[in-house]
């Protein structure tokens, strides 16, 4: 997965401090409010690595490009790719099989309802 859409980015547009929580939310598809509440809860529980990890991620992660996604549907697709690439590949294959089946149905309908085309196809066989 070498696509720039599968990388982690800081989301400065939707972020509050450095955009790390918003970047995690964008990367995982979880609402940013839950990510922020989780980070605050971890800090309050005394997990000492949260604050340094936040600032390290904020310092080393790239800023999210503004042209990363065309629309909301594409964003959801790439989030599902990051969460489960195998499941997403199966879903894409299933969608292509469904499109192929529907196209075959249209082709069958058109060929059987058009006797001239049907006769020409039989003559070519």
Protein backbone atom coordinates (compact mmCIF):
# COMPACT_ATOMS: atom_id res chain seq x y z
CA UNK A 1 0.00 0.00 0.00
CA UNK A 2 2.08 2.87 -1.28
CA UNK A 3 -0.83 5.23 -1.86
CA UNK A 4 -0.64 8.58 -0.05
CA UNK A 5 -4.22 7.87 1.05
CA UNK A 6 -3.05 5.03 3.31
CA UNK A 7 -0.56 7.14 5.29
CA UNK A 8 -1.17 8.85 8.61
CA UNK A 9 -1.41 12.64 8.44
CA UNK A 10 -2.00 15.37 10.98
CA UNK A 11 -5.29 17.10 10.19
CA UNK A 12 -4.57 20.76 10.90
CA UNK A 13 -7.93 21.88 9.46
CA UNK A 14 -10.01 19.87 11.95
CA UNK A 15 -7.38 19.80 14.70
CA UNK A 16 -7.31 21.76 17.94
CA UNK A 17 -3.65 21.81 18.98
CA UNK A 18 -1.45 20.00 16.45
CA UNK A 19 -4.09 17.97 14.61
CA UNK A 20 -2.92 14.58 15.85
CA UNK A 21 -6.29 13.46 17.29
CA UNK A 22 -8.06 14.67 14.13
CA UNK A 23 -5.49 12.76 12.07
CA UNK A 24 -6.08 9.59 14.09
CA UNK A 25 -9.83 10.07 13.63
CA UNK A 26 -9.41 10.50 9.87
CA UNK A 27 -7.09 7.50 9.65
CA UNK A 28 -9.36 5.15 11.59
CA UNK A 29 -12.79 6.52 10.67
CA UNK A 30 -13.70 7.08 14.31
CA UNK A 31 -15.37 10.37 15.26
CA UNK A 32 -12.76 12.91 16.39
CA UNK A 33 -14.68 13.60 19.60
CA UNK A 34 -14.17 9.99 20.74
CA UNK A 35 -10.47 10.10 19.90
CA UNK A 36 -10.03 13.31 21.90
CA UNK A 37 -12.00 11.92 24.84
CA UNK A 38 -9.89 8.75 24.73
CA UNK A 39 -6.68 10.77 24.74
CA UNK A 40 -7.88 12.88 27.67
CA UNK A 41 -8.98 9.75 29.55
CA UNK A 42 -5.56 8.17 29.05
CA UNK A 43 -3.83 11.30 30.33
CA UNK A 44 -6.12 11.44 33.37
CA UNK A 45 -5.50 7.74 34.11
CA UNK A 46 -1.83 8.51 34.30
CA UNK A 47 -0.55 6.85 31.14
CA UNK A 48 2.71 8.76 30.87
CA UNK A 49 3.46 8.03 27.22
CA UNK A 50 0.40 9.79 25.81
CA UNK A 51 1.68 13.37 25.96
CA UNK A 52 5.16 12.63 24.56
CA UNK A 53 3.67 10.36 21.89
CA UNK A 54 1.22 13.12 20.93
CA UNK A 55 3.98 15.69 20.49
CA UNK A 56 6.24 13.23 18.64
CA UNK A 57 3.41 12.39 16.25
CA UNK A 58 2.68 16.09 15.86
CA UNK A 59 6.32 16.80 15.11
CA UNK A 60 7.08 13.93 12.73
CA UNK A 61 3.77 13.35 10.91
CA UNK A 62 3.12 15.22 7.70
CA UNK A 63 0.23 17.62 7.36
CA UNK A 64 -2.79 16.20 5.51
CA UNK A 65 -2.93 17.48 1.92
CA UNK A 66 -6.09 19.40 1.10
CA UNK A 67 -6.65 17.41 -2.12
CA UNK A 68 -6.33 13.97 -0.51
CA UNK A 69 -9.98 12.93 -1.01
CA UNK A 70 -12.37 13.97 -3.77
CA UNK A 71 -15.53 13.42 -1.73
CA UNK A 72 -16.86 11.81 1.44
CA UNK A 73 -17.40 8.46 -0.31
CA UNK A 74 -13.74 8.26 -1.28
CA UNK A 75 -12.70 9.13 2.27
CA UNK A 76 -14.88 6.31 3.66
CA UNK A 77 -13.43 3.88 1.09
CA UNK A 78 -9.82 4.64 2.04
CA UNK A 79 -10.65 4.42 5.75
CA UNK A 80 -12.04 0.93 5.16
CA UNK A 81 -8.89 0.03 3.19
CA UNK A 82 -6.73 1.10 6.13
CA UNK A 83 -8.91 -0.77 8.63
CA UNK A 84 -9.23 -4.04 6.72
CA UNK A 85 -7.57 -4.30 3.29
CA UNK A 86 -8.64 -7.91 2.77
CA UNK A 87 -12.30 -7.21 3.51
CA UNK A 88 -12.25 -4.15 1.23
CA UNK A 89 -10.70 -6.19 -1.59
CA UNK A 90 -13.44 -8.82 -1.18
CA UNK A 91 -16.11 -6.10 -1.28
CA UNK A 92 -14.61 -4.58 -4.43
CA UNK A 93 -14.47 -8.01 -6.10
CA UNK A 94 -18.09 -8.63 -5.12
CA UNK A 95 -19.09 -5.26 -6.56
CA UNK A 96 -17.33 -6.09 -9.84
CA UNK A 97 -19.03 -9.50 -9.97
CA UNK A 98 -22.38 -7.82 -9.43
CA UNK A 99 -21.67 -5.27 -12.18
CA UNK A 100 -20.58 -8.08 -14.51
CA UNK A 101 -23.76 -10.05 -13.75
CA UNK A 102 -25.98 -7.02 -14.38
CA UNK A 103 -24.14 -6.24 -17.61
CA UNK A 104 -24.64 -9.83 -18.76
CA UNK A 105 -28.37 -9.51 -17.99
CA UNK A 106 -28.59 -6.30 -20.05
CA UNK A 107 -26.67 -7.95 -22.87
CA UNK A 108 -28.95 -11.00 -22.80
CA UNK A 109 -32.06 -8.82 -22.76
CA UNK A 110 -30.83 -6.71 -25.66
CA UNK A 111 -29.72 -9.68 -27.77
CA UNK A 112 -32.92 -11.71 -27.20
CA UNK A 113 -35.19 -8.73 -27.84
CA UNK A 114 -33.37 -7.80 -31.05
CA UNK A 115 -33.93 -10.61 -33.58
CA UNK A 116 -31.75 -8.98 -36.26
CA UNK A 117 -28.78 -8.80 -33.89
CA UNK A 118 -29.45 -12.33 -32.66
CA UNK A 119 -29.50 -13.65 -36.26
CA UNK A 120 -26.26 -11.85 -37.08
CA UNK A 121 -24.55 -13.31 -34.00
CA UNK A 122 -25.76 -16.81 -34.96
CA UNK A 123 -24.47 -16.29 -38.51
CA UNK A 124 -21.03 -15.39 -37.14
CA UNK A 125 -20.82 -18.59 -35.09
